[in-house]
PDB file of N, CA and C in Angstrom:
ATOM      1  N   UNK A   1     -31.697  28.731  52.694  1.00  0.00           N
ATOM      2  CA  UNK A   1     -31.392  29.759  51.725  1.00  0.00           C
ATOM      3  C   UNK A   1     -32.157  31.301  52.913  1.00  0.00           C
ATOM      4  N   UNK A   2     -31.375  32.265  53.002  1.00  0.00           N
ATOM      5  CA  UNK A   2     -32.181  33.708  53.845  1.00  0.00           C
ATOM      6  C   UNK A   2     -31.798  34.490  52.727  1.00  0.00           C
ATOM      7  N   UNK A   3     -32.402  35.872  52.963  1.00  0.00           N
ATOM      8  CA  UNK A   3     -32.574  37.044  51.758  1.00  0.00           C
ATOM      9  C   UNK A   3     -32.505  38.157  52.546  1.00  0.00           C
ATOM     10  N   UNK A   4     -31.912  39.125  51.496  1.00  0.00           N
ATOM     11  CA  UNK A   4     -31.998  40.501  52.311  1.00  0.00           C
ATOM     12  C   UNK A   4     -33.557  41.150  50.732  1.00  0.00           C
ATOM     13  N   UNK A   5     -33.739  41.729  51.702  1.00  0.00           N
ATOM     14  CA  UNK A   5     -34.760  42.070  50.483  1.00  0.00           C
ATOM     15  C   UNK A   5     -34.942  44.309  50.932  1.00  0.00           C
ATOM     16  N   UNK A   6     -35.636  44.355  49.762  1.00  0.00           N
ATOM     17  CA  UNK A   6     -35.900  45.638  49.646  1.00  0.00           C
ATOM     18  C   UNK A   6     -37.448  45.954  49.626  1.00  0.00           C
ATOM     19  N   UNK A   7     -38.369  46.474  50.203  1.00  0.00           N
ATOM     20  CA  UNK A   7     -39.702  46.849  50.170  1.00  0.00           C
ATOM     21  C   UNK A   7     -40.278  48.543  49.751  1.00  0.00           C
ATOM     22  N   UNK A   8     -40.862  48.661  49.154  1.00  0.00           N
ATOM     23  CA  UNK A   8     -41.237  50.387  48.546  1.00  0.00           C
ATOM     24  C   UNK A   8     -42.791  50.275  49.078  1.00  0.00           C
ATOM     25  N   UNK A   9     -43.140  51.131  49.838  1.00  0.00           N
ATOM     26  CA  UNK A   9     -44.304  51.712  50.042  1.00  0.00           C
ATOM     27  C   UNK A   9     -44.729  52.476  48.977  1.00  0.00           C
ATOM     28  N   UNK A  10     -45.963  52.019  48.767  1.00  0.00           N
ATOM     29  CA  UNK A  10     -47.345  52.273  47.690  1.00  0.00           C
ATOM     30  C   UNK A  10     -47.481  53.612  48.528  1.00  0.00           C
ATOM     31  N   UNK A  11     -47.707  53.971  49.860  1.00  0.00           N
ATOM     32  CA  UNK A  11     -48.533  54.878  50.436  1.00  0.00           C
ATOM     33  C   UNK A  11     -47.428  56.394  50.382  1.00  0.00           C
ATOM     34  N   UNK A  12     -46.218  55.462  51.280  1.00  0.00           N
ATOM     35  CA  UNK A  12     -45.427  57.148  51.268  1.00  0.00           C
ATOM     36  C   UNK A  12     -44.161  57.074  50.492  1.00  0.00           C
ATOM     37  N   UNK A  13     -44.136  56.058  49.729  1.00  0.00           N
ATOM     38  CA  UNK A  13     -42.655  55.981  48.733  1.00  0.00           C
ATOM     39  C   UNK A  13     -41.734  55.784  49.617  1.00  0.00           C
ATOM     40  N   UNK A  14     -41.780  55.333  50.827  1.00  0.00           N
ATOM     41  CA  UNK A  14     -40.218  55.055  51.378  1.00  0.00           C
ATOM     42  C   UNK A  14     -39.866  53.390  51.046  1.00  0.00           C
ATOM     43  N   UNK A  15     -38.582  53.221  51.224  1.00  0.00           N
ATOM     44  CA  UNK A  15     -38.234  52.317  51.289  1.00  0.00           C
ATOM     45  C   UNK A  15     -37.977  51.530  52.845  1.00  0.00           C
ATOM     46  N   UNK A  16     -37.919  49.979  52.686  1.00  0.00           N
ATOM     47  CA  UNK A  16     -37.634  49.500  53.839  1.00  0.00           C
ATOM     48  C   UNK A  16     -36.540  48.076  53.403  1.00  0.00           C
ATOM     49  N   UNK A  17     -35.998  48.472  53.872  1.00  0.00           N
ATOM     50  CA  UNK A  17     -34.443  47.106  53.975  1.00  0.00           C
ATOM     51  C   UNK A  17     -34.490  46.208  55.099  1.00  0.00           C
ATOM     52  N   UNK A  18     -34.657  44.776  54.711  1.00  0.00           N
ATOM     53  CA  UNK A  18     -34.444  43.401  55.607  1.00  0.00           C
ATOM     54  C   UNK A  18     -34.060  42.504  55.191  1.00  0.00           C
ATOM     55  N   UNK A  19     -34.319  41.491  56.023  1.00  0.00           N
ATOM     56  CA  UNK A  19     -33.778  39.914  55.795  1.00  0.00           C
ATOM     57  C   UNK A  19     -34.129  38.970  56.359  1.00  0.00           C
ATOM     58  N   UNK A  20     -34.459  37.668  56.128  1.00  0.00           N
ATOM     59  CA  UNK A  20     -35.299  36.667  56.546  1.00  0.00           C
ATOM     60  C   UNK A  20     -34.724  35.713  55.639  1.00  0.00           C
ATOM     61  N   UNK A  21     -35.473  34.668  56.162  1.00  0.00           N
ATOM     62  CA  UNK A  21     -35.434  32.850  56.086  1.00  0.00           C
ATOM     63  C   UNK A  21     -36.398  32.839  55.260  1.00  0.00           C
ATOM     64  N   UNK A  22     -37.891  33.221  55.362  1.00  0.00           N
ATOM     65  CA  UNK A  22     -39.102  32.990  55.051  1.00  0.00           C
ATOM     66  C   UNK A  22     -39.306  34.524  54.050  1.00  0.00           C
ATOM     67  N   UNK A  23     -39.365  34.643  52.967  1.00  0.00           N
ATOM     68  CA  UNK A  23     -39.195  35.397  52.365  1.00  0.00           C
ATOM     69  C   UNK A  23     -41.484  36.061  52.151  1.00  0.00           C
ATOM     70  N   UNK A  24     -41.856  35.013  51.745  1.00  0.00           N
ATOM     71  CA  UNK A  24     -42.861  35.244  51.587  1.00  0.00           C
ATOM     72  C   UNK A  24     -44.228  35.570  52.843  1.00  0.00           C
ATOM     73  N   UNK A  25     -43.489  35.241  53.812  1.00  0.00           N
ATOM     74  CA  UNK A  25     -44.104  35.505  55.158  1.00  0.00           C
ATOM     75  C   UNK A  25     -44.011  36.594  55.381  1.00  0.00           C
ATOM     76  N   UNK A  26     -42.738  37.190  55.532  1.00  0.00           N
ATOM     77  CA  UNK A  26     -42.386  38.125  55.831  1.00  0.00           C
ATOM     78  C   UNK A  26     -43.296  39.359  55.099  1.00  0.00           C
ATOM     79  N   UNK A  27     -43.057  39.436  53.658  1.00  0.00           N
ATOM     80  CA  UNK A  27     -43.789  39.955  53.138  1.00  0.00           C
ATOM     81  C   UNK A  27     -45.694  40.521  53.608  1.00  0.00           C
ATOM     82  N   UNK A  28     -45.824  39.149  54.173  1.00  0.00           N
ATOM     83  CA  UNK A  28     -47.498  38.691  54.334  1.00  0.00           C
ATOM     84  C   UNK A  28     -47.107  39.817  55.860  1.00  0.00           C
ATOM     85  N   UNK A  29     -46.626  39.878  56.315  1.00  0.00           N
ATOM     86  CA  UNK A  29     -46.480  40.387  57.868  1.00  0.00           C
ATOM     87  C   UNK A  29     -46.304  41.417  57.727  1.00  0.00           C
ATOM     88  N   UNK A  30     -45.299  42.313  56.947  1.00  0.00           N
ATOM     89  CA  UNK A  30     -45.146  43.500  56.744  1.00  0.00           C
ATOM     90  C   UNK A  30     -46.457  44.195  56.325  1.00  0.00           C
ATOM     91  N   UNK A  31     -47.417  43.508  55.232  1.00  0.00           N
ATOM     92  CA  UNK A  31     -48.717  44.025  54.937  1.00  0.00           C
ATOM     93  C   UNK A  31     -49.611  43.741  55.438  1.00  0.00           C
ATOM     94  N   UNK A  32     -50.191  42.481  56.363  1.00  0.00           N
ATOM     95  CA  UNK A  32     -50.783  42.878  57.534  1.00  0.00           C
ATOM     96  C   UNK A  32     -50.764  43.485  58.275  1.00  0.00           C
ATOM     97  N   UNK A  33     -49.432  44.382  58.670  1.00  0.00           N
ATOM     98  CA  UNK A  33     -49.385  45.362  59.918  1.00  0.00           C
ATOM     99  C   UNK A  33     -48.819  44.581  61.213  1.00  0.00           C
ATOM    100  N   UNK A  34     -47.939  43.318  61.142  1.00  0.00           N
ATOM    101  CA  UNK A  34     -47.338  42.985  62.175  1.00  0.00           C
ATOM    102  C   UNK A  34     -46.073  43.373  62.159  1.00  0.00           C
ATOM    103  N   UNK A  35     -45.811  44.152  61.910  1.00  0.00           N
ATOM    104  CA  UNK A  35     -44.538  44.679  61.679  1.00  0.00           C
ATOM    105  C   UNK A  35     -44.410  45.941  62.140  1.00  0.00           C
ATOM    106  N   UNK A  36     -43.990  46.426  63.260  1.00  0.00           N
ATOM    107  CA  UNK A  36     -44.322  47.712  64.110  1.00  0.00           C
ATOM    108  C   UNK A  36     -43.152  49.037  63.100  1.00  0.00           C
ATOM    109  N   UNK A  37     -42.404  48.616  62.614  1.00  0.00           N
ATOM    110  CA  UNK A  37     -41.523  49.849  62.229  1.00  0.00           C
ATOM    111  C   UNK A  37     -42.346  50.051  60.156  1.00  0.00           C
ATOM    112  N   UNK A  38     -43.065  49.046  59.615  1.00  0.00           N
ATOM    113  CA  UNK A  38     -43.689  49.326  58.311  1.00  0.00           C
ATOM    114  C   UNK A  38     -45.162  49.429  58.662  1.00  0.00           C
ATOM    115  N   UNK A  39     -45.696  48.970  59.950  1.00  0.00           N
ATOM    116  CA  UNK A  39     -47.208  49.596  59.635  1.00  0.00           C
ATOM    117  C   UNK A  39     -47.756  50.718  59.646  1.00  0.00           C
ATOM    118  N   UNK A  40     -47.146  51.619  59.615  1.00  0.00           N
ATOM    119  CA  UNK A  40     -47.347  52.953  59.182  1.00  0.00           C
ATOM    120  C   UNK A  40     -47.529  53.331  57.911  1.00  0.00           C
ATOM    121  N   UNK A  41     -46.934  52.477  56.717  1.00  0.00           N
ATOM    122  CA  UNK A  41     -46.916  52.891  55.193  1.00  0.00           C
ATOM    123  C   UNK A  41     -47.351  52.225  54.457  1.00  0.00           C
ATOM    124  N   UNK A  42     -48.086  50.936  55.078  1.00  0.00           N
ATOM    125  CA  UNK A  42     -48.923  49.793  54.050  1.00  0.00           C
ATOM    126  C   UNK A  42     -49.554  50.372  53.719  1.00  0.00           C
ATOM    127  N   UNK A  43     -49.580  49.725  51.910  1.00  0.00           N
ATOM    128  CA  UNK A  43     -48.948  48.478  51.574  1.00  0.00           C
ATOM    129  C   UNK A  43     -47.629  48.439  50.459  1.00  0.00           C
ATOM    130  N   UNK A  44     -47.105  47.411  50.820  1.00  0.00           N
ATOM    131  CA  UNK A  44     -45.660  47.117  50.432  1.00  0.00           C
ATOM    132  C   UNK A  44     -45.352  46.608  49.175  1.00  0.00           C
ATOM    133  N   UNK A  45     -44.442  47.168  48.430  1.00  0.00           N
ATOM    134  CA  UNK A  45     -44.140  46.022  47.538  1.00  0.00           C
ATOM    135  C   UNK A  45     -42.877  45.831  47.526  1.00  0.00           C
ATOM    136  N   UNK A  46     -42.711  44.280  47.521  1.00  0.00           N
ATOM    137  CA  UNK A  46     -40.811  44.092  46.946  1.00  0.00           C
ATOM    138  C   UNK A  46     -40.834  44.206  45.807  1.00  0.00           C
ATOM    139  N   UNK A  47     -39.483  45.255  45.858  1.00  0.00           N
ATOM    140  CA  UNK A  47     -39.032  45.615  44.701  1.00  0.00           C
ATOM    141  C   UNK A  47     -37.409  44.769  44.168  1.00  0.00           C
ATOM    142  N   UNK A  48     -36.609  44.454  45.030  1.00  0.00           N
ATOM    143  CA  UNK A  48     -35.742  43.872  45.235  1.00  0.00           C
ATOM    144  C   UNK A  48     -35.323  42.566  45.898  1.00  0.00           C
ATOM    145  N   UNK A  49     -34.579  41.315  45.684  1.00  0.00           N
ATOM    146  CA  UNK A  49     -34.131  40.138  46.876  1.00  0.00           C
ATOM    147  C   UNK A  49     -32.853  39.197  46.376  1.00  0.00           C
ATOM    148  N   UNK A  50     -32.009  39.278  47.553  1.00  0.00           N
ATOM    149  CA  UNK A  50     -31.024  38.289  47.012  1.00  0.00           C
ATOM    150  C   UNK A  50     -31.209  37.734  47.964  1.00  0.00           C
ATOM    151  N   UNK A  51     -30.495  36.253  47.622  1.00  0.00           N
ATOM    152  CA  UNK A  51     -30.353  34.987  48.218  1.00  0.00           C
ATOM    153  C   UNK A  51     -28.896  34.772  49.110  1.00  0.00           C
ATOM    154  N   UNK A  52     -29.014  34.289  50.473  1.00  0.00           N
ATOM    155  CA  UNK A  52     -27.882  33.774  51.043  1.00  0.00           C
ATOM    156  C   UNK A  52     -28.103  32.758  51.551  1.00  0.00           C
ATOM    157  N   UNK A  53     -26.116  31.887  51.144  1.00  0.00           N
ATOM    158  CA  UNK A  53     -26.370  31.114  51.881  1.00  0.00           C
ATOM    159  C   UNK A  53     -26.703  30.652  53.335  1.00  0.00           C
ATOM    160  N   UNK A  54     -25.964  31.720  54.168  1.00  0.00           N
ATOM    161  CA  UNK A  54     -25.655  32.197  55.956  1.00  0.00           C
ATOM    162  C   UNK A  54     -26.755  33.150  56.256  1.00  0.00           C
ATOM    163  N   UNK A  55     -27.243  32.917  57.318  1.00  0.00           N
ATOM    164  CA  UNK A  55     -27.978  34.564  58.037  1.00  0.00           C
ATOM    165  C   UNK A  55     -27.219  35.472  58.112  1.00  0.00           C
ATOM    166  N   UNK A  56     -26.173  35.077  58.811  1.00  0.00           N
ATOM    167  CA  UNK A  56     -24.296  36.104  58.494  1.00  0.00           C
ATOM    168  C   UNK A  56     -24.885  36.921  57.396  1.00  0.00           C
ATOM    169  N   UNK A  57     -24.452  36.367  56.284  1.00  0.00           N
ATOM    170  CA  UNK A  57     -24.361  37.712  55.113  1.00  0.00           C
ATOM    171  C   UNK A  57     -25.442  37.971  54.686  1.00  0.00           C
ATOM    172  N   UNK A  58     -26.743  37.353  55.213  1.00  0.00           N
ATOM    173  CA  UNK A  58     -27.960  38.118  54.674  1.00  0.00           C
ATOM    174  C   UNK A  58     -28.209  39.140  55.449  1.00  0.00           C
ATOM    175  N   UNK A  59     -27.525  38.985  57.298  1.00  0.00           N
ATOM    176  CA  UNK A  59     -27.858  39.952  58.120  1.00  0.00           C
ATOM    177  C   UNK A  59     -26.776  41.745  57.151  1.00  0.00           C
ATOM    178  N   UNK A  60     -25.331  40.783  57.451  1.00  0.00           N
ATOM    179  CA  UNK A  60     -24.496  42.065  56.956  1.00  0.00           C
ATOM    180  C   UNK A  60     -24.790  42.418  55.661  1.00  0.00           C
ATOM    181  N   UNK A  61     -25.308  42.006  54.396  1.00  0.00           N
ATOM    182  CA  UNK A  61     -25.557  42.864  53.471  1.00  0.00           C
ATOM    183  C   UNK A  61     -26.835  43.619  53.894  1.00  0.00           C
ATOM    184  N   UNK A  62     -27.524  43.565  54.659  1.00  0.00           N
ATOM    185  CA  UNK A  62     -28.570  44.305  54.933  1.00  0.00           C
ATOM    186  C   UNK A  62     -28.395  45.727  56.105  1.00  0.00           C
ATOM    187  N   UNK A  63     -27.681  44.868  56.800  1.00  0.00           N
ATOM    188  CA  UNK A  63     -26.609  46.399  57.870  1.00  0.00           C
ATOM    189  C   UNK A  63     -25.605  47.281  56.470  1.00  0.00           C
ATOM    190  N   UNK A  64     -24.780  46.716  55.658  1.00  0.00           N
ATOM    191  CA  UNK A  64     -24.264  47.929  54.634  1.00  0.00           C
ATOM    192  C   UNK A  64     -25.570  48.316  53.596  1.00  0.00           C
ATOM    193  N   UNK A  65     -26.592  47.846  53.282  1.00  0.00           N
ATOM    194  CA  UNK A  65     -27.871  48.751  52.671  1.00  0.00           C
ATOM    195  C   UNK A  65     -28.184  49.757  53.308  1.00  0.00           C
ATOM    196  N   UNK A  66     -27.731  49.624  55.092  1.00  0.00           N
ATOM    197  CA  UNK A  66     -28.510  50.672  55.434  1.00  0.00           C
ATOM    198  C   UNK A  66     -27.652  51.539  56.067  1.00  0.00           C
ATOM    199  N   UNK A  67     -26.584  51.720  55.659  1.00  0.00           N
ATOM    200  CA  UNK A  67     -25.405  52.710  55.616  1.00  0.00           C
ATOM    201  C   UNK A  67     -25.447  53.762  54.796  1.00  0.00           C
ATOM    202  N   UNK A  68     -24.658  54.808  54.843  1.00  0.00           N
ATOM    203  CA  UNK A  68     -24.912  55.832  53.492  1.00  0.00           C
ATOM    204  C   UNK A  68     -24.320  55.098  52.033  1.00  0.00           C
ATOM    205  N   UNK A  69     -23.096  54.740  52.323  1.00  0.00           N
ATOM    206  CA  UNK A  69     -22.635  53.924  50.561  1.00  0.00           C
ATOM    207  C   UNK A  69     -23.613  52.988  50.149  1.00  0.00           C
ATOM    208  N   UNK A  70     -24.338  52.547  51.251  1.00  0.00           N
ATOM    209  CA  UNK A  70     -25.227  50.955  51.099  1.00  0.00           C
ATOM    210  C   UNK A  70     -26.396  51.357  50.087  1.00  0.00           C
ATOM    211  N   UNK A  71     -26.802  52.726  50.952  1.00  0.00           N
ATOM    212  CA  UNK A  71     -27.908  53.361  50.184  1.00  0.00           C
ATOM    213  C   UNK A  71     -27.535  54.338  49.371  1.00  0.00           C
ATOM    214  N   UNK A  72     -26.503  54.660  48.865  1.00  0.00           N
ATOM    215  CA  UNK A  72     -26.496  55.036  47.791  1.00  0.00           C
ATOM    216  C   UNK A  72     -26.000  54.039  46.583  1.00  0.00           C
ATOM    217  N   UNK A  73     -25.747  52.934  46.706  1.00  0.00           N
ATOM    218  CA  UNK A  73     -25.775  51.929  46.247  1.00  0.00           C
ATOM    219  C   UNK A  73     -26.801  51.377  45.768  1.00  0.00           C
ATOM    220  N   UNK A  74     -27.820  50.827  46.714  1.00  0.00           N
ATOM    221  CA  UNK A  74     -29.055  50.141  46.540  1.00  0.00           C
ATOM    222  C   UNK A  74     -29.405  51.105  45.676  1.00  0.00           C
ATOM    223  N   UNK A  75     -29.832  52.795  45.806  1.00  0.00           N
ATOM    224  CA  UNK A  75     -30.334  53.324  44.934  1.00  0.00           C
ATOM    225  C   UNK A  75     -30.548  53.225  43.452  1.00  0.00           C
ATOM    226  N   UNK A  76     -28.603  53.472  43.327  1.00  0.00           N
ATOM    227  CA  UNK A  76     -28.275  53.270  41.592  1.00  0.00           C
ATOM    228  C   UNK A  76     -28.185  51.932  41.563  1.00  0.00           C
ATOM    229  N   UNK A  77     -28.093  50.881  42.150  1.00  0.00           N
ATOM    230  CA  UNK A  77     -27.620  49.479  41.328  1.00  0.00           C
ATOM    231  C   UNK A  77     -29.107  48.653  41.669  1.00  0.00           C
ATOM    232  N   UNK A  78     -30.189  48.729  42.781  1.00  0.00           N
ATOM    233  CA  UNK A  78     -31.120  47.944  42.703  1.00  0.00           C
ATOM    234  C   UNK A  78     -31.909  48.182  42.342  1.00  0.00           C
ATOM    235  N   UNK A  79     -32.548  49.123  43.328  1.00  0.00           N
ATOM    236  CA  UNK A  79     -33.931  49.396  43.016  1.00  0.00           C
ATOM    237  C   UNK A  79     -34.182  50.701  42.228  1.00  0.00           C
ATOM    238  N   UNK A  80     -33.349  51.586  41.441  1.00  0.00           N
ATOM    239  CA  UNK A  80     -34.005  52.072  39.872  1.00  0.00           C
ATOM    240  C   UNK A  80     -33.692  51.127  39.146  1.00  0.00           C
ATOM    241  N   UNK A  81     -33.128  50.213  39.232  1.00  0.00           N
ATOM    242  CA  UNK A  81     -33.110  49.043  38.012  1.00  0.00           C
ATOM    243  C   UNK A  81     -34.327  47.911  37.967  1.00  0.00           C
ATOM    244  N   UNK A  82     -34.639  47.787  39.234  1.00  0.00           N
ATOM    245  CA  UNK A  82     -36.036  47.231  39.501  1.00  0.00           C
ATOM    246  C   UNK A  82     -36.881  48.074  39.269  1.00  0.00           C
ATOM    247  N   UNK A  83     -37.364  49.365  39.781  1.00  0.00           N
ATOM    248  CA  UNK A  83     -38.137  49.812  38.959  1.00  0.00           C
ATOM    249  C   UNK A  83     -38.258  50.357  37.427  1.00  0.00           C
ATOM    250  N   UNK A  84     -37.256  50.231  36.970  1.00  0.00           N
ATOM    251  CA  UNK A  84     -37.268  50.786  35.344  1.00  0.00           C
ATOM    252  C   UNK A  84     -37.636  49.703  34.798  1.00  0.00           C
ATOM    253  N   UNK A  85     -37.093  48.571  35.493  1.00  0.00           N
ATOM    254  CA  UNK A  85     -37.671  47.031  34.701  1.00  0.00           C
ATOM    255  C   UNK A  85     -39.427  46.970  34.831  1.00  0.00           C
ATOM    256  N   UNK A  86     -39.938  47.260  36.056  1.00  0.00           N
ATOM    257  CA  UNK A  86     -41.375  47.129  36.077  1.00  0.00           C
ATOM    258  C   UNK A  86     -41.861  48.751  34.987  1.00  0.00           C
ATOM    259  N   UNK A  87     -41.585  49.257  34.962  1.00  0.00           N
ATOM    260  CA  UNK A  87     -42.529  50.587  34.024  1.00  0.00           C
ATOM    261  C   UNK A  87     -42.056  49.782  32.470  1.00  0.00           C
ATOM    262  N   UNK A  88     -40.660  49.597  32.152  1.00  0.00           N
ATOM    263  CA  UNK A  88     -40.779  49.083  30.863  1.00  0.00           C
ATOM    264  C   UNK A  88     -41.605  47.388  31.047  1.00  0.00           C
ATOM    265  N   UNK A  89     -42.074  47.012  31.503  1.00  0.00           N
ATOM    266  CA  UNK A  89     -42.591  45.525  31.377  1.00  0.00           C
ATOM    267  C   UNK A  89     -44.427  46.244  31.301  1.00  0.00           C
ATOM    268  N   UNK A  90     -44.585  47.890  31.692  1.00  0.00           N
ATOM    269  CA  UNK A  90     -45.528  48.499  32.080  1.00  0.00           C
ATOM    270  C   UNK A  90     -46.806  48.097  33.200  1.00  0.00           C
ATOM    271  N   UNK A  91     -45.712  47.518  34.027  1.00  0.00           N
ATOM    272  CA  UNK A  91     -46.170  47.350  35.257  1.00  0.00           C
ATOM    273  C   UNK A  91     -47.282  48.382  35.766  1.00  0.00           C
ATOM    274  N   UNK A  92     -48.202  48.356  36.221  1.00  0.00           N
ATOM    275  CA  UNK A  92     -49.262  49.659  37.406  1.00  0.00           C
ATOM    276  C   UNK A  92     -48.106  49.547  38.424  1.00  0.00           C
ATOM    277  N   UNK A  93     -48.306  50.807  39.160  1.00  0.00           N
ATOM    278  CA  UNK A  93     -48.111  51.368  40.706  1.00  0.00           C
ATOM    279  C   UNK A  93     -48.261  50.636  41.974  1.00  0.00           C
ATOM    280  N   UNK A  94     -49.422  49.864  41.417  1.00  0.00           N
ATOM    281  CA  UNK A  94     -50.046  49.152  42.731  1.00  0.00           C
ATOM    282  C   UNK A  94     -49.249  47.816  43.275  1.00  0.00           C
ATOM    283  N   UNK A  95     -49.278  47.673  44.631  1.00  0.00           N
ATOM    284  CA  UNK A  95     -48.616  46.628  45.173  1.00  0.00           C
ATOM    285  C   UNK A  95     -48.592  45.369  44.944  1.00  0.00           C
ATOM    286  N   UNK A  96     -47.486  44.272  44.231  1.00  0.00           N
ATOM    287  CA  UNK A  96     -47.723  43.195  44.160  1.00  0.00           C
ATOM    288  C   UNK A  96     -47.211  42.614  45.426  1.00  0.00           C
ATOM    289  N   UNK A  97     -48.499  41.446  45.865  1.00  0.00           N
ATOM    290  CA  UNK A  97     -48.029  40.869  47.308  1.00  0.00           C
ATOM    291  C   UNK A  97     -47.442  39.652  46.868  1.00  0.00           C
ATOM    292  N   UNK A  98     -47.061  39.044  45.378  1.00  0.00           N
ATOM    293  CA  UNK A  98     -46.471  37.710  45.236  1.00  0.00           C
ATOM    294  C   UNK A  98     -45.270  38.053  45.199  1.00  0.00           C
ATOM    295  N   UNK A  99     -44.353  36.616  45.934  1.00  0.00           N
ATOM    296  CA  UNK A  99     -43.110  37.088  45.870  1.00  0.00           C
ATOM    297  C   UNK A  99     -42.613  35.863  44.821  1.00  0.00           C
ATOM    298  N   UNK A 100     -41.593  36.447  43.627  1.00  0.00           N
ATOM    299  CA  UNK A 100     -41.159  35.570  42.638  1.00  0.00           C
ATOM    300  C   UNK A 100     -40.349  34.439  43.086  1.00  0.00           C
ATOM    301  N   UNK A 101     -40.306  33.500  42.302  1.00  0.00           N
ATOM    302  CA  UNK A 101     -39.046  32.160  42.952  1.00  0.00           C
ATOM    303  C   UNK A 101     -37.829  32.448  42.870  1.00  0.00           C
ATOM    304  N   UNK A 102     -37.045  32.417  43.665  1.00  0.00           N
ATOM    305  CA  UNK A 102     -35.636  32.344  43.177  1.00  0.00           C
ATOM    306  C   UNK A 102     -35.086  31.481  41.831  1.00  0.00           C
ATOM    307  N   UNK A 103     -34.524  32.421  41.143  1.00  0.00           N
ATOM    308  CA  UNK A 103     -34.110  31.627  39.818  1.00  0.00           C
ATOM    309  C   UNK A 103     -32.718  30.591  40.218  1.00  0.00           C
ATOM    310  N   UNK A 104     -32.536  29.698  39.323  1.00  0.00           N
ATOM    311  CA  UNK A 104     -30.962  28.989  39.554  1.00  0.00           C
ATOM    312  C   UNK A 104     -30.221  29.881  39.187  1.00  0.00           C
ATOM    313  N   UNK A 105     -28.883  29.635  39.534  1.00  0.00           N
ATOM    314  CA  UNK A 105     -27.784  30.641  38.957  1.00  0.00           C
ATOM    315  C   UNK A 105     -27.521  29.647  37.834  1.00  0.00           C
ATOM    316  N   UNK A 106     -26.859  30.195  36.942  1.00  0.00           N
ATOM    317  CA  UNK A 106     -26.374  30.307  36.115  1.00  0.00           C
ATOM    318  C   UNK A 106     -25.042  29.970  36.048  1.00  0.00           C
ATOM    319  N   UNK A 107     -24.588  28.553  35.586  1.00  0.00           N
ATOM    320  CA  UNK A 107     -23.304  28.087  35.773  1.00  0.00           C
ATOM    321  C   UNK A 107     -22.400  28.445  34.354  1.00  0.00           C
ATOM    322  N   UNK A 108     -22.788  29.142  33.676  1.00  0.00           N
ATOM    323  CA  UNK A 108     -21.968  30.114  32.605  1.00  0.00           C
ATOM    324  C   UNK A 108     -21.708  31.102  32.683  1.00  0.00           C
ATOM    325  N   UNK A 109     -21.993  31.755  34.152  1.00  0.00           N
ATOM    326  CA  UNK A 109     -21.204  33.321  34.262  1.00  0.00           C
ATOM    327  C   UNK A 109     -20.192  33.370  34.748  1.00  0.00           C
TER     328      UNK A 109
END
């Protein structure tokens, strides 16, 4: 499984979009300063992710989210929904370093 993900910086409130095969390790790398692009804005919190069967699909969706229309889609449909869910569940704004396990797809959808 490959993942496209969106991080939120607790320091600067900027978002970062990336893709990876190992989401948990990648988040640890972002928060330990080992990723040059995200080092200045540590700590980062995972706000959204999606699994894909191929690396190409994950990379293609990452690239789409980095376009103008992709950013608009991400803010409207992914980020705002994820943050609203956080607030409705009473979560604090402090970063979470754990990565939720992917849920099994519902075969009745």
